[in-house]
């Protein structure tokens, strides 16, 4: 059902010690129906479990629309950026490496973008163990932790596009600079890019007519460093927030830690990025918090 005259889509999948999940995800990608031609780019970010070895074997090695890129432990934000830089698609769909897809997922995600209603979209995302209870994108609470929307039944604006499965126009992605290139390890990458999109005048929507099933795990198959999460949060705050909200982020980190992390963030040239972002944005962080009723 592929129509190679339609715009090419790039599915970008960062991988880190995914075991059998990445093979299941790739199998699902190539089994579902779509009217779009697409490529799939797997970014193996220094996995140590051999999870991507199958890609060098038949039949996967013979698939012309399947690319394997290797990165050296750069973290999920930059792994996605690397995948995007190697992509050809006019539309980018970022996916976790532990998903199962529905028919016409690509088509449904792209329709609001092509129609000019949205610049980024996400499907319903449900746990494989509870497939009938999807979340439709996310918002934030008073601690800047994500909370899923659960009652969306029509195309609707959302505060945060989950990086686990979201589509973004290529032009928009590169116009905003992609995921934050200064992030360390896992944490806040989807929150930051969603805030950046909204503040720059772009729109993020949930598309509830389609869903993916997601393997939710008790713990990730790689080491998550809490200080890196705090670093990313504070870097995001300096990039987008007013002084009061920067202070709130420091308070969330705690007085015994935030001084050292703050010093590290400031050494990352974030103030230069802040100046650039503030000069470009169409809306303030106050507008964003008020628009989505975020108590922060």
C-alpha atoms as a PDB file:
ATOM      1  CA  UNK A   1       0.000   0.000   0.000  1.00  0.00           C
ATOM      2  CA  UNK A   2       3.035   2.269  -0.105  1.00  0.00           C
ATOM      3  CA  UNK A   3       2.787   5.327  -2.291  1.00  0.00           C
ATOM      4  CA  UNK A   4       6.330   6.431  -3.080  1.00  0.00           C
ATOM      5  CA  UNK A   5       5.064   9.681  -4.620  1.00  0.00           C
ATOM      6  CA  UNK A   6       4.014  10.899  -1.169  1.00  0.00           C
ATOM      7  CA  UNK A   7       6.426  12.624   1.232  1.00  0.00           C
ATOM      8  CA  UNK A   8       8.956  10.337   2.853  1.00  0.00           C
ATOM      9  CA  UNK A   9       8.645   9.731   6.582  1.00  0.00           C
ATOM     10  CA  UNK A  10      11.545   8.892   8.894  1.00  0.00           C
ATOM     11  CA  UNK A  11      10.931   6.741  11.966  1.00  0.00           C
ATOM     12  CA  UNK A  12      13.763   7.359  14.437  1.00  0.00           C
ATOM     13  CA  UNK A  13      14.335   4.847  17.232  1.00  0.00           C
ATOM     14  CA  UNK A  14      17.040   5.381  19.886  1.00  0.00           C
ATOM     15  CA  UNK A  15      18.178   2.130  21.476  1.00  0.00           C
ATOM     16  CA  UNK A  16      20.011   1.334  24.712  1.00  0.00           C
ATOM     17  CA  UNK A  17      20.101  -2.280  25.952  1.00  0.00           C
ATOM     18  CA  UNK A  18      16.602  -3.102  24.715  1.00  0.00           C
ATOM     19  CA  UNK A  19      16.971  -6.882  24.481  1.00  0.00           C
ATOM     20  CA  UNK A  20      14.260  -8.492  22.361  1.00  0.00           C
ATOM     21  CA  UNK A  21      12.101  -5.346  22.500  1.00  0.00           C
ATOM     22  CA  UNK A  22      13.836  -3.593  19.613  1.00  0.00           C
ATOM     23  CA  UNK A  23      13.368  -6.603  17.330  1.00  0.00           C
ATOM     24  CA  UNK A  24       9.687  -6.749  18.262  1.00  0.00           C
ATOM     25  CA  UNK A  25       9.390  -3.025  17.519  1.00  0.00           C
ATOM     26  CA  UNK A  26      11.071  -3.352  14.115  1.00  0.00           C
ATOM     27  CA  UNK A  27       8.855  -6.319  13.233  1.00  0.00           C
ATOM     28  CA  UNK A  28       5.792  -4.272  14.155  1.00  0.00           C
ATOM     29  CA  UNK A  29       6.974  -1.299  12.075  1.00  0.00           C
ATOM     30  CA  UNK A  30       7.197  -3.377   8.918  1.00  0.00           C
ATOM     31  CA  UNK A  31       3.983  -5.306   9.485  1.00  0.00           C
ATOM     32  CA  UNK A  32       1.523  -2.418   9.818  1.00  0.00           C
ATOM     33  CA  UNK A  33      -0.201  -0.709   6.910  1.00  0.00           C
ATOM     34  CA  UNK A  34       0.443   2.840   5.700  1.00  0.00           C
ATOM     35  CA  UNK A  35      -0.017   4.885   2.545  1.00  0.00           C
ATOM     36  CA  UNK A  36       3.345   6.572   3.056  1.00  0.00           C
ATOM     37  CA  UNK A  37       6.816   5.536   2.039  1.00  0.00           C
ATOM     38  CA  UNK A  38       9.061   5.541   5.087  1.00  0.00           C
ATOM     39  CA  UNK A  39      12.494   4.722   6.370  1.00  0.00           C
ATOM     40  CA  UNK A  40      13.411   3.440   9.811  1.00  0.00           C
ATOM     41  CA  UNK A  41      16.572   4.676  11.521  1.00  0.00           C
ATOM     42  CA  UNK A  42      17.823   2.786  14.564  1.00  0.00           C
ATOM     43  CA  UNK A  43      20.368   4.692  16.673  1.00  0.00           C
ATOM     44  CA  UNK A  44      22.241   2.194  18.842  1.00  0.00           C
ATOM     45  CA  UNK A  45      23.553   4.363  21.669  1.00  0.00           C
ATOM     46  CA  UNK A  46      26.364   2.138  22.978  1.00  0.00           C
ATOM     47  CA  UNK A  47      24.223  -0.853  23.937  1.00  0.00           C
ATOM     48  CA  UNK A  48      26.136  -3.614  25.695  1.00  0.00           C
ATOM     49  CA  UNK A  49      23.600  -6.428  25.346  1.00  0.00           C
ATOM     50  CA  UNK A  50      23.917  -7.041  21.602  1.00  0.00           C
ATOM     51  CA  UNK A  51      20.278  -6.086  21.096  1.00  0.00           C
ATOM     52  CA  UNK A  52      20.889  -4.628  17.627  1.00  0.00           C
ATOM     53  CA  UNK A  53      23.007  -7.510  16.285  1.00  0.00           C
ATOM     54  CA  UNK A  54      20.004  -8.971  14.453  1.00  0.00           C
ATOM     55  CA  UNK A  55      19.973  -5.935  12.152  1.00  0.00           C
ATOM     56  CA  UNK A  56      23.121  -7.179  10.406  1.00  0.00           C
ATOM     57  CA  UNK A  57      21.455 -10.502   9.620  1.00  0.00           C
ATOM     58  CA  UNK A  58      18.915 -11.508   6.975  1.00  0.00           C
ATOM     59  CA  UNK A  59      16.160 -10.500   6.389  1.00  0.00           C
ATOM     60  CA  UNK A  60      16.770  -7.206   8.222  1.00  0.00           C
ATOM     61  CA  UNK A  61      20.116  -6.503   6.572  1.00  0.00           C
ATOM     62  CA  UNK A  62      18.399  -6.710   3.185  1.00  0.00           C
ATOM     63  CA  UNK A  63      15.800  -4.044   3.916  1.00  0.00           C
ATOM     64  CA  UNK A  64      16.755  -0.840   2.044  1.00  0.00           C
ATOM     65  CA  UNK A  65      14.575   1.342   4.273  1.00  0.00           C
ATOM     66  CA  UNK A  66      16.237   0.230   7.503  1.00  0.00           C
ATOM     67  CA  UNK A  67      19.375   2.045   8.689  1.00  0.00           C
ATOM     68  CA  UNK A  68      21.568   1.372  11.732  1.00  0.00           C
ATOM     69  CA  UNK A  69      23.521   4.290  13.202  1.00  0.00           C
ATOM     70  CA  UNK A  70      25.902   3.900  16.137  1.00  0.00           C
ATOM     71  CA  UNK A  71      26.466   6.565  18.779  1.00  0.00           C
ATOM     72  CA  UNK A  72      28.787   6.580  21.757  1.00  0.00           C
ATOM     73  CA  UNK A  73      26.526   6.864  24.791  1.00  0.00           C
ATOM     74  CA  UNK A  74      25.255  10.346  24.008  1.00  0.00           C
ATOM     75  CA  UNK A  75      21.880   9.890  25.726  1.00  0.00           C
ATOM     76  CA  UNK A  76      18.345   9.819  24.312  1.00  0.00           C
ATOM     77  CA  UNK A  77      18.100  13.506  23.350  1.00  0.00           C
ATOM     78  CA  UNK A  78      21.229  13.514  21.235  1.00  0.00           C
ATOM     79  CA  UNK A  79      20.605   9.999  19.902  1.00  0.00           C
ATOM     80  CA  UNK A  80      17.341  11.323  18.477  1.00  0.00           C
ATOM     81  CA  UNK A  81      19.156  14.334  17.050  1.00  0.00           C
ATOM     82  CA  UNK A  82      21.687  12.037  15.376  1.00  0.00           C
ATOM     83  CA  UNK A  83      18.888   9.991  13.865  1.00  0.00           C
ATOM     84  CA  UNK A  84      17.234  13.141  12.575  1.00  0.00           C
ATOM     85  CA  UNK A  85      20.472  14.321  10.952  1.00  0.00           C
ATOM     86  CA  UNK A  86      20.733  11.005   9.090  1.00  0.00           C
ATOM     87  CA  UNK A  87      17.093  11.108   7.998  1.00  0.00           C
ATOM     88  CA  UNK A  88      15.553  11.957   4.642  1.00  0.00           C
ATOM     89  CA  UNK A  89      11.940  12.394   5.638  1.00  0.00           C
ATOM     90  CA  UNK A  90       9.865  15.547   5.478  1.00  0.00           C
ATOM     91  CA  UNK A  91       8.203  14.254   8.639  1.00  0.00           C
ATOM     92  CA  UNK A  92       9.994  12.712  11.610  1.00  0.00           C
ATOM     93  CA  UNK A  93       8.400  10.190  13.963  1.00  0.00           C
ATOM     94  CA  UNK A  94      10.378   9.524  17.132  1.00  0.00           C
ATOM     95  CA  UNK A  95       9.657   6.153  18.720  1.00  0.00           C
ATOM     96  CA  UNK A  96      10.789   4.236  21.762  1.00  0.00           C
ATOM     97  CA  UNK A  97      12.359   0.844  21.108  1.00  0.00           C
ATOM     98  CA  UNK A  98       9.604  -1.060  22.912  1.00  0.00           C
ATOM     99  CA  UNK A  99       6.415  -0.309  20.968  1.00  0.00           C
ATOM    100  CA  UNK A 100       3.725  -2.140  19.014  1.00  0.00           C
ATOM    101  CA  UNK A 101       1.991  -0.153  16.260  1.00  0.00           C
ATOM    102  CA  UNK A 102      -1.486  -0.011  14.764  1.00  0.00           C
ATOM    103  CA  UNK A 103      -2.290   0.115  11.058  1.00  0.00           C
ATOM    104  CA  UNK A 104      -2.121   3.617   9.592  1.00  0.00           C
ATOM    105  CA  UNK A 105      -0.361   5.087  12.618  1.00  0.00           C
ATOM    106  CA  UNK A 106       1.824   7.195  10.326  1.00  0.00           C
ATOM    107  CA  UNK A 107      -1.146   8.411   8.314  1.00  0.00           C
ATOM    108  CA  UNK A 108      -3.171   9.489  11.345  1.00  0.00           C
ATOM    109  CA  UNK A 109      -0.232  11.251  12.996  1.00  0.00           C
ATOM    110  CA  UNK A 110       0.639  13.205   9.871  1.00  0.00           C
ATOM    111  CA  UNK A 111      -2.855  14.315   8.848  1.00  0.00           C
ATOM    112  CA  UNK A 112      -3.164  17.176  11.407  1.00  0.00           C
ATOM    113  CA  UNK A 113       0.347  18.340  10.520  1.00  0.00           C
ATOM    114  CA  UNK A 114      -0.322  18.288   6.781  1.00  0.00           C
ATOM    115  CA  UNK A 115      -3.683  20.011   7.334  1.00  0.00           C
ATOM    116  CA  UNK A 116      -1.934  22.851   9.184  1.00  0.00           C
ATOM    117  CA  UNK A 117      -3.679  22.151  12.496  1.00  0.00           C
ATOM    118  CA  UNK A 118      -0.580  21.007  14.365  1.00  0.00           C
ATOM    119  CA  UNK A 119       3.194  20.939  14.062  1.00  0.00           C
ATOM    120  CA  UNK A 120       3.689  17.929  16.322  1.00  0.00           C
ATOM    121  CA  UNK A 121       1.373  15.051  17.207  1.00  0.00           C
ATOM    122  CA  UNK A 122       1.249  12.008  19.447  1.00  0.00           C
ATOM    123  CA  UNK A 123      -1.081   8.988  19.415  1.00  0.00           C
ATOM    124  CA  UNK A 124      -2.711   7.350  22.371  1.00  0.00           C
ATOM    125  CA  UNK A 125      -0.063   5.394  24.276  1.00  0.00           C
ATOM    126  CA  UNK A 126      -1.178   2.392  26.310  1.00  0.00           C
ATOM    127  CA  UNK A 127       0.633  -0.153  28.431  1.00  0.00           C
ATOM    128  CA  UNK A 128       0.853  -3.573  26.739  1.00  0.00           C
ATOM    129  CA  UNK A 129      -0.683  -4.953  29.938  1.00  0.00           C
ATOM    130  CA  UNK A 130      -3.613  -2.496  29.826  1.00  0.00           C
ATOM    131  CA  UNK A 131      -4.199  -1.858  26.112  1.00  0.00           C
ATOM    132  CA  UNK A 132      -7.635  -0.307  26.570  1.00  0.00           C
ATOM    133  CA  UNK A 133      -6.465   2.539  28.804  1.00  0.00           C
ATOM    134  CA  UNK A 134      -4.235   4.829  26.741  1.00  0.00           C
ATOM    135  CA  UNK A 135      -2.917   8.222  27.701  1.00  0.00           C
ATOM    136  CA  UNK A 136      -3.060  11.032  25.155  1.00  0.00           C
ATOM    137  CA  UNK A 137       0.028  13.133  25.676  1.00  0.00           C
ATOM    138  CA  UNK A 138       1.044  14.698  28.959  1.00  0.00           C
ATOM    139  CA  UNK A 139       0.849  17.764  31.135  1.00  0.00           C
ATOM    140  CA  UNK A 140       2.918  18.801  34.165  1.00  0.00           C
ATOM    141  CA  UNK A 141       2.185  19.074  37.872  1.00  0.00           C
ATOM    142  CA  UNK A 142       3.558  21.375  40.565  1.00  0.00           C
ATOM    143  CA  UNK A 143       6.783  19.337  40.698  1.00  0.00           C
ATOM    144  CA  UNK A 144       7.308  19.413  36.913  1.00  0.00           C
ATOM    145  CA  UNK A 145       6.480  15.723  36.764  1.00  0.00           C
ATOM    146  CA  UNK A 146       4.439  14.457  33.855  1.00  0.00           C
ATOM    147  CA  UNK A 147       0.822  13.397  34.140  1.00  0.00           C
ATOM    148  CA  UNK A 148      -1.068  11.723  31.311  1.00  0.00           C
ATOM    149  CA  UNK A 149      -4.211  13.106  29.727  1.00  0.00           C
ATOM    150  CA  UNK A 150      -6.795  10.324  29.843  1.00  0.00           C
ATOM    151  CA  UNK A 151     -10.052  11.883  28.658  1.00  0.00           C
ATOM    152  CA  UNK A 152      -9.212  13.179  25.180  1.00  0.00           C
ATOM    153  CA  UNK A 153     -11.457  11.858  22.392  1.00  0.00           C
ATOM    154  CA  UNK A 154     -10.802  14.360  19.625  1.00  0.00           C
ATOM    155  CA  UNK A 155      -7.765  16.176  18.255  1.00  0.00           C
ATOM    156  CA  UNK A 156      -6.642  18.429  21.124  1.00  0.00           C
ATOM    157  CA  UNK A 157      -3.699  20.623  22.214  1.00  0.00           C
ATOM    158  CA  UNK A 158      -1.438  19.109  24.866  1.00  0.00           C
ATOM    159  CA  UNK A 159       1.363  20.494  27.006  1.00  0.00           C
ATOM    160  CA  UNK A 160       3.912  17.739  26.328  1.00  0.00           C
ATOM    161  CA  UNK A 161       4.543  15.435  23.385  1.00  0.00           C
ATOM    162  CA  UNK A 162       5.862  12.128  24.750  1.00  0.00           C
ATOM    163  CA  UNK A 163       9.160  11.359  23.032  1.00  0.00           C
ATOM    164  CA  UNK A 164       8.147   7.697  23.185  1.00  0.00           C
ATOM    165  CA  UNK A 165       6.026   8.278  20.087  1.00  0.00           C
ATOM    166  CA  UNK A 166       5.569  11.645  18.434  1.00  0.00           C
ATOM    167  CA  UNK A 167       5.620  13.112  14.944  1.00  0.00           C
ATOM    168  CA  UNK A 168       7.181  16.483  14.141  1.00  0.00           C
ATOM    169  CA  UNK A 169       7.542  18.273  10.820  1.00  0.00           C
ATOM    170  CA  UNK A 170      11.170  18.172   9.694  1.00  0.00           C
ATOM    171  CA  UNK A 171      11.223  21.924   9.048  1.00  0.00           C
ATOM    172  CA  UNK A 172       9.944  22.660  12.549  1.00  0.00           C
ATOM    173  CA  UNK A 173      12.325  20.206  14.213  1.00  0.00           C
ATOM    174  CA  UNK A 174      15.423  21.720  12.675  1.00  0.00           C
ATOM    175  CA  UNK A 175      14.105  25.271  12.978  1.00  0.00           C
ATOM    176  CA  UNK A 176      13.935  24.937  16.762  1.00  0.00           C
ATOM    177  CA  UNK A 177      17.268  23.098  16.984  1.00  0.00           C
ATOM    178  CA  UNK A 178      15.851  19.672  17.782  1.00  0.00           C
ATOM    179  CA  UNK A 179      16.165  18.151  21.240  1.00  0.00           C
ATOM    180  CA  UNK A 180      18.425  20.082  23.596  1.00  0.00           C
ATOM    181  CA  UNK A 181      21.978  19.218  22.562  1.00  0.00           C
ATOM    182  CA  UNK A 182      23.353  20.026  26.009  1.00  0.00           C
ATOM    183  CA  UNK A 183      21.312  17.488  27.945  1.00  0.00           C
ATOM    184  CA  UNK A 184      23.057  14.774  29.926  1.00  0.00           C
ATOM    185  CA  UNK A 185      21.582  11.274  29.844  1.00  0.00           C
ATOM    186  CA  UNK A 186      17.887  10.625  30.318  1.00  0.00           C
ATOM    187  CA  UNK A 187      15.302  13.112  31.548  1.00  0.00           C
ATOM    188  CA  UNK A 188      13.201  16.119  30.469  1.00  0.00           C
ATOM    189  CA  UNK A 189      14.026  15.883  26.752  1.00  0.00           C
ATOM    190  CA  UNK A 190      10.384  15.606  25.658  1.00  0.00           C
ATOM    191  CA  UNK A 191       9.246  18.269  28.130  1.00  0.00           C
ATOM    192  CA  UNK A 192      11.872  20.714  26.917  1.00  0.00           C
ATOM    193  CA  UNK A 193      11.199  20.294  23.199  1.00  0.00           C
ATOM    194  CA  UNK A 194       7.442  20.617  23.762  1.00  0.00           C
ATOM    195  CA  UNK A 195       7.833  23.830  25.750  1.00  0.00           C
ATOM    196  CA  UNK A 196      10.190  25.139  23.079  1.00  0.00           C
ATOM    197  CA  UNK A 197       7.697  24.354  20.319  1.00  0.00           C
ATOM    198  CA  UNK A 198       4.842  26.128  22.079  1.00  0.00           C
ATOM    199  CA  UNK A 199       6.902  29.183  23.060  1.00  0.00           C
ATOM    200  CA  UNK A 200       8.188  29.539  19.500  1.00  0.00           C
ATOM    201  CA  UNK A 201       4.613  29.528  18.202  1.00  0.00           C
ATOM    202  CA  UNK A 202       4.250  25.884  17.148  1.00  0.00           C
ATOM    203  CA  UNK A 203       1.454  23.559  18.227  1.00  0.00           C
ATOM    204  CA  UNK A 204       1.490  20.118  19.860  1.00  0.00           C
ATOM    205  CA  UNK A 205      -1.641  17.983  19.615  1.00  0.00           C
ATOM    206  CA  UNK A 206      -2.870  14.556  20.663  1.00  0.00           C
ATOM    207  CA  UNK A 207      -4.356  12.422  17.886  1.00  0.00           C
ATOM    208  CA  UNK A 208      -6.627   9.959  19.718  1.00  0.00           C
ATOM    209  CA  UNK A 209      -7.894   8.024  16.686  1.00  0.00           C
ATOM    210  CA  UNK A 210      -4.794   5.823  16.765  1.00  0.00           C
ATOM    211  CA  UNK A 211      -2.654   4.330  19.523  1.00  0.00           C
ATOM    212  CA  UNK A 212       0.542   2.408  20.162  1.00  0.00           C
ATOM    213  CA  UNK A 213       1.197  -0.181  22.846  1.00  0.00           C
ATOM    214  CA  UNK A 214       4.199   0.554  25.034  1.00  0.00           C
ATOM    215  CA  UNK A 215       6.200  -1.824  27.227  1.00  0.00           C
ATOM    216  CA  UNK A 216       6.382   0.026  30.546  1.00  0.00           C
ATOM    217  CA  UNK A 217       9.150  -1.333  32.753  1.00  0.00           C
ATOM    218  CA  UNK A 218       9.814  -1.049  36.482  1.00  0.00           C
ATOM    219  CA  UNK A 219      13.292   0.256  35.747  1.00  0.00           C
ATOM    220  CA  UNK A 220      15.233   1.118  32.578  1.00  0.00           C
ATOM    221  CA  UNK A 221      17.889  -1.284  31.244  1.00  0.00           C
ATOM    222  CA  UNK A 222      20.610   1.324  31.750  1.00  0.00           C
ATOM    223  CA  UNK A 223      21.898   3.430  34.604  1.00  0.00           C
ATOM    224  CA  UNK A 224      19.963   6.650  35.220  1.00  0.00           C
ATOM    225  CA  UNK A 225      21.944   9.294  37.106  1.00  0.00           C
ATOM    226  CA  UNK A 226      19.735  11.552  39.271  1.00  0.00           C
ATOM    227  CA  UNK A 227      22.141  14.483  38.995  1.00  0.00           C
ATOM    228  CA  UNK A 228      21.800  14.344  35.206  1.00  0.00           C
ATOM    229  CA  UNK A 229      18.022  14.611  35.542  1.00  0.00           C
ATOM    230  CA  UNK A 230      18.456  17.641  37.787  1.00  0.00           C
ATOM    231  CA  UNK A 231      20.977  19.129  35.368  1.00  0.00           C
ATOM    232  CA  UNK A 232      18.530  18.756  32.470  1.00  0.00           C
ATOM    233  CA  UNK A 233      15.673  20.282  34.449  1.00  0.00           C
ATOM    234  CA  UNK A 234      17.741  23.299  35.456  1.00  0.00           C
ATOM    235  CA  UNK A 235      19.144  23.729  31.949  1.00  0.00           C
ATOM    236  CA  UNK A 236      15.568  23.696  30.651  1.00  0.00           C
ATOM    237  CA  UNK A 237      14.598  26.271  33.275  1.00  0.00           C
ATOM    238  CA  UNK A 238      17.403  28.630  32.323  1.00  0.00           C
ATOM    239  CA  UNK A 239      16.516  28.167  28.652  1.00  0.00           C
ATOM    240  CA  UNK A 240      12.813  28.957  28.991  1.00  0.00           C
ATOM    241  CA  UNK A 241      11.667  30.092  32.450  1.00  0.00           C
ATOM    242  CA  UNK A 242      11.521  33.359  34.346  1.00  0.00           C
ATOM    243  CA  UNK A 243      13.640  33.904  37.464  1.00  0.00           C
ATOM    244  CA  UNK A 244      10.931  32.762  39.861  1.00  0.00           C
ATOM    245  CA  UNK A 245      10.550  29.426  38.089  1.00  0.00           C
ATOM    246  CA  UNK A 246      14.323  28.940  37.927  1.00  0.00           C
ATOM    247  CA  UNK A 247      14.352  29.357  41.712  1.00  0.00           C
ATOM    248  CA  UNK A 248      11.519  26.807  42.024  1.00  0.00           C
ATOM    249  CA  UNK A 249      13.565  24.319  40.020  1.00  0.00           C
ATOM    250  CA  UNK A 250      16.525  24.848  42.327  1.00  0.00           C
ATOM    251  CA  UNK A 251      14.209  24.218  45.272  1.00  0.00           C
ATOM    252  CA  UNK A 252      13.087  20.920  43.737  1.00  0.00           C
ATOM    253  CA  UNK A 253      16.728  19.855  43.478  1.00  0.00           C
ATOM    254  CA  UNK A 254      17.424  20.776  47.104  1.00  0.00           C
ATOM    255  CA  UNK A 255      19.826  23.190  48.731  1.00  0.00           C
ATOM    256  CA  UNK A 256      22.479  20.517  49.300  1.00  0.00           C
ATOM    257  CA  UNK A 257      22.777  19.816  45.576  1.00  0.00           C
ATOM    258  CA  UNK A 258      21.588  22.724  43.470  1.00  0.00           C
ATOM    259  CA  UNK A 259      24.673  24.913  43.917  1.00  0.00           C
ATOM    260  CA  UNK A 260      27.024  22.426  42.237  1.00  0.00           C
ATOM    261  CA  UNK A 261      24.487  21.529  39.535  1.00  0.00           C
ATOM    262  CA  UNK A 262      23.715  25.198  38.925  1.00  0.00           C
ATOM    263  CA  UNK A 263      27.414  25.882  38.414  1.00  0.00           C
ATOM    264  CA  UNK A 264      27.620  23.038  35.903  1.00  0.00           C
ATOM    265  CA  UNK A 265      24.544  24.252  34.024  1.00  0.00           C
ATOM    266  CA  UNK A 266      25.847  27.807  33.782  1.00  0.00           C
ATOM    267  CA  UNK A 267      29.161  26.497  32.456  1.00  0.00           C
ATOM    268  CA  UNK A 268      27.259  24.886  29.576  1.00  0.00           C
ATOM    269  CA  UNK A 269      26.634  28.257  27.888  1.00  0.00           C
ATOM    270  CA  UNK A 270      22.952  28.028  28.713  1.00  0.00           C
ATOM    271  CA  UNK A 271      22.687  31.802  29.180  1.00  0.00           C
ATOM    272  CA  UNK A 272      23.644  32.277  25.551  1.00  0.00           C
ATOM    273  CA  UNK A 273      20.919  29.822  24.597  1.00  0.00           C
ATOM    274  CA  UNK A 274      18.464  31.626  26.894  1.00  0.00           C
ATOM    275  CA  UNK A 275      19.128  34.935  25.130  1.00  0.00           C
ATOM    276  CA  UNK A 276      18.605  33.323  21.751  1.00  0.00           C
ATOM    277  CA  UNK A 277      15.416  31.542  22.782  1.00  0.00           C
ATOM    278  CA  UNK A 278      13.902  34.594  24.447  1.00  0.00           C
ATOM    279  CA  UNK A 279      14.539  36.650  21.319  1.00  0.00           C
ATOM    280  CA  UNK A 280      12.708  34.089  19.179  1.00  0.00           C
ATOM    281  CA  UNK A 281       9.733  33.112  21.234  1.00  0.00           C
ATOM    282  CA  UNK A 282       6.199  34.307  20.607  1.00  0.00           C
ATOM    283  CA  UNK A 283       4.818  33.354  24.007  1.00  0.00           C
ATOM    284  CA  UNK A 284       6.174  33.485  27.556  1.00  0.00           C
ATOM    285  CA  UNK A 285       6.511  30.642  30.025  1.00  0.00           C
ATOM    286  CA  UNK A 286       3.712  32.336  31.993  1.00  0.00           C
ATOM    287  CA  UNK A 287       1.454  31.922  28.937  1.00  0.00           C
ATOM    288  CA  UNK A 288       2.412  28.267  28.673  1.00  0.00           C
ATOM    289  CA  UNK A 289       1.695  27.500  32.329  1.00  0.00           C
ATOM    290  CA  UNK A 290      -1.620  29.363  32.245  1.00  0.00           C
ATOM    291  CA  UNK A 291      -2.710  27.824  28.939  1.00  0.00           C
ATOM    292  CA  UNK A 292      -2.307  24.297  30.267  1.00  0.00           C
ATOM    293  CA  UNK A 293      -3.242  25.031  33.910  1.00  0.00           C
ATOM    294  CA  UNK A 294       0.161  23.932  35.165  1.00  0.00           C
ATOM    295  CA  UNK A 295       0.593  24.939  38.833  1.00  0.00           C
ATOM    296  CA  UNK A 296       4.268  25.788  38.618  1.00  0.00           C
END
